[in-house]
Amino acid sequence: MKLSARTMKHLLNLYPPYIGAGIKVENISDDWNHITVSMKVRWYNRNAVGTHFGGSIYSMIDPHIMLILMKKLGKEYWVWDSAAEITFIKATKKKITAQIHLLDEQIEQIKTSAQTGEKQFPEFHVEIWDSDQSLIAHVKKILYVKRRPTL
């Protein structure tokens, strides 16, 4: 991906599923290690009891770790989502925010492990908080990373 962080932020905010869910990418750091995403409750993204719809909460997290790794590892690696698990802690009607952050050390460890050509399944954890600093949900993501064969 040759897109700048700023361009990617704007493209994600125009992504129809994000518009439909009311999700906003607030920031992507210039080094692509940190993404902040938020969502406010709207009439079109609440559940039957008026709080955040669980599918939209998960959608806040869904592509971002994969996008970071694709950018940081480059075209020499395949990166896909493999599995995910979300635990809902508390319902809320307040604005919710997730900080998705990968350290350079994590990325280098994944790259080193994938050098063998074997499939790697790194695991990541992201918490979602509301504007009162209450924990709303915990997401576990497992990605598939493998070095592409050289021809």
Protein backbone atom coordinates (compact mmCIF):
# COMPACT_ATOMS: atom_id res chain seq x y z
CA MET A 1 0.00 0.00 0.00
CA LYS A 2 1.47 3.30 -1.03
CA LEU A 3 -1.25 5.45 0.52
CA SER A 4 -0.33 8.00 3.15
CA ALA A 5 -1.90 7.67 6.58
CA ARG A 6 -3.92 10.82 5.96
CA THR A 7 -5.27 9.55 2.62
CA MET A 8 -6.15 6.17 4.16
CA LYS A 9 -8.02 7.91 6.99
CA HIS A 10 -10.10 9.87 4.49
CA LEU A 11 -10.80 6.77 2.38
CA LEU A 12 -11.88 4.74 5.40
CA ASN A 13 -14.23 7.54 6.46
CA LEU A 14 -15.84 7.32 2.99
CA TYR A 15 -16.14 3.52 3.17
CA PRO A 16 -19.91 2.78 2.92
CA PRO A 17 -20.02 0.20 5.75
CA TYR A 18 -18.36 2.75 8.06
CA ILE A 19 -20.74 5.50 7.00
CA GLY A 20 -23.69 3.16 7.56
CA ALA A 21 -22.45 2.15 10.99
CA GLY A 22 -21.55 5.70 12.02
CA ILE A 23 -17.89 4.77 12.52
CA LYS A 24 -15.24 7.48 12.25
CA VAL A 25 -11.51 7.00 11.88
CA GLU A 26 -10.19 9.87 14.01
CA ASN A 27 -6.49 9.43 13.34
CA ILE A 28 -3.87 7.22 11.72
CA SER A 29 -0.37 8.07 12.90
CA ASP A 30 2.15 8.96 10.21
CA ASP A 31 4.14 5.82 11.07
CA TRP A 32 0.94 3.69 10.78
CA ASN A 33 1.46 2.20 14.25
CA HIS A 34 -1.58 3.81 15.85
CA ILE A 35 -5.20 4.17 14.74
CA THR A 36 -7.97 5.85 16.72
CA VAL A 37 -11.55 5.03 15.75
CA SER A 38 -14.82 6.13 17.34
CA MET A 39 -18.57 5.83 17.05
CA LYS A 40 -21.53 7.74 18.43
CA VAL A 41 -24.96 6.18 18.90
CA ARG A 42 -27.30 7.25 16.12
CA TRP A 43 -30.84 6.21 15.22
CA TYR A 44 -29.42 4.01 12.44
CA ASN A 45 -26.76 2.18 14.46
CA ARG A 46 -28.49 1.28 17.73
CA ASN A 47 -29.89 -2.03 18.79
CA ALA A 48 -33.40 -2.84 20.08
CA VAL A 49 -32.68 -1.31 23.51
CA GLY A 50 -31.13 1.90 22.16
CA THR A 51 -27.46 1.15 22.84
CA HIS A 52 -24.60 0.52 20.41
CA PHE A 53 -25.25 -2.39 18.03
CA GLY A 54 -22.68 -5.15 18.69
CA GLY A 55 -21.89 -5.68 15.01
CA SER A 56 -20.98 -2.03 14.63
CA ILE A 57 -18.79 -2.18 17.75
CA TYR A 58 -16.82 -5.04 16.21
CA SER A 59 -16.69 -3.25 12.83
CA MET A 60 -14.76 -0.44 14.52
CA ILE A 61 -11.84 -2.82 14.97
CA ASP A 62 -12.18 -5.22 12.06
CA PRO A 63 -9.78 -4.12 9.30
CA HIS A 64 -7.27 -1.99 11.16
CA ILE A 65 -4.70 -4.43 12.51
CA MET A 66 -4.60 -6.13 9.13
CA LEU A 67 -4.12 -2.77 7.37
CA ILE A 68 -1.30 -1.80 9.74
CA LEU A 69 0.52 -5.09 9.15
CA MET A 70 0.01 -4.93 5.39
CA LYS A 71 1.54 -1.45 5.35
CA LYS A 72 4.41 -2.26 7.72
CA LEU A 73 5.35 -5.69 6.32
CA GLY A 74 4.98 -4.84 2.63
CA LYS A 75 4.06 -6.92 -0.37
CA GLU A 76 6.46 -9.72 0.58
CA TYR A 77 3.88 -10.99 3.09
CA TRP A 78 0.32 -12.25 2.95
CA VAL A 79 -1.79 -10.81 5.73
CA TRP A 80 -5.37 -11.88 6.37
CA ASP A 81 -7.80 -11.93 9.24
CA SER A 82 -8.02 -15.42 10.65
CA ALA A 83 -10.28 -15.24 13.73
CA ALA A 84 -11.90 -12.80 16.09
CA GLU A 85 -13.68 -12.82 19.40
CA ILE A 86 -15.49 -9.96 21.10
CA THR A 87 -16.56 -9.83 24.71
CA PHE A 88 -19.16 -7.19 25.49
CA ILE A 89 -18.59 -5.78 28.97
CA LYS A 90 -21.12 -2.98 29.29
CA ALA A 91 -23.84 -1.44 27.11
CA THR A 92 -23.71 2.31 26.52
CA LYS A 93 -25.32 5.13 24.62
CA LYS A 94 -22.19 7.29 24.89
CA LYS A 95 -19.50 7.84 22.25
CA ILE A 96 -17.10 4.89 22.20
CA THR A 97 -13.45 4.90 21.15
CA ALA A 98 -10.77 2.32 20.41
CA GLN A 99 -7.04 2.92 20.30
CA ILE A 100 -5.37 0.33 18.06
CA HIS A 101 -1.64 0.35 18.62
CA LEU A 102 1.11 -1.95 17.40
CA LEU A 103 4.67 -1.56 18.60
CA ASP A 104 7.57 -1.75 16.17
CA GLU A 105 8.90 -4.62 18.30
CA GLN A 106 5.68 -6.61 17.72
CA ILE A 107 5.86 -6.00 13.99
CA GLU A 108 9.53 -7.02 13.85
CA GLN A 109 8.77 -10.20 15.83
CA ILE A 110 6.01 -11.12 13.37
CA LYS A 111 8.33 -10.43 10.44
CA THR A 112 11.14 -12.50 11.97
CA SER A 113 8.79 -15.42 12.72
CA ALA A 114 7.36 -15.31 9.20
CA GLN A 115 10.85 -15.43 7.61
CA THR A 116 10.70 -19.22 7.93
CA GLY A 117 7.92 -19.35 5.33
CA GLU A 118 5.61 -20.97 7.87
CA LYS A 119 2.16 -19.56 8.64
CA GLN A 120 2.09 -17.29 11.65
CA PHE A 121 -1.00 -16.48 13.71
CA PRO A 122 -0.22 -13.42 15.83
CA GLU A 123 -2.83 -12.44 18.39
CA PHE A 124 -3.87 -8.89 19.25
CA HIS A 125 -6.11 -7.39 21.91
CA VAL A 126 -8.03 -4.11 21.67
CA GLU A 127 -10.25 -2.48 24.27
CA ILE A 128 -13.18 -0.20 23.51
CA TRP A 129 -14.01 2.54 26.01
CA ASP A 130 -16.84 5.04 26.33
CA SER A 131 -16.53 8.77 27.01
CA ASP A 132 -16.82 8.09 30.78
CA GLN A 133 -13.75 5.81 30.57
CA SER A 134 -15.85 2.70 31.16
CA LEU A 135 -14.70 -0.46 29.41
CA ILE A 136 -17.34 -1.44 26.86
CA ALA A 137 -15.80 -4.38 25.00
CA HIS A 138 -12.63 -6.40 24.57
CA VAL A 139 -11.69 -7.70 21.12
CA LYS A 140 -9.22 -10.50 20.39
CA LYS A 141 -8.03 -10.69 16.78
CA ILE A 142 -5.89 -13.40 15.26
CA LEU A 143 -4.27 -12.73 11.92
CA TYR A 144 -2.69 -15.01 9.36
CA VAL A 145 0.76 -13.86 8.24
CA LYS A 146 3.01 -15.71 5.83
CA ARG A 147 5.99 -14.68 3.76
CA ARG A 148 5.21 -14.95 0.05
CA PRO A 149 7.39 -17.44 -1.79
CA THR A 150 10.13 -15.89 -3.89
CA LEU A 151 10.17 -16.90 -7.52
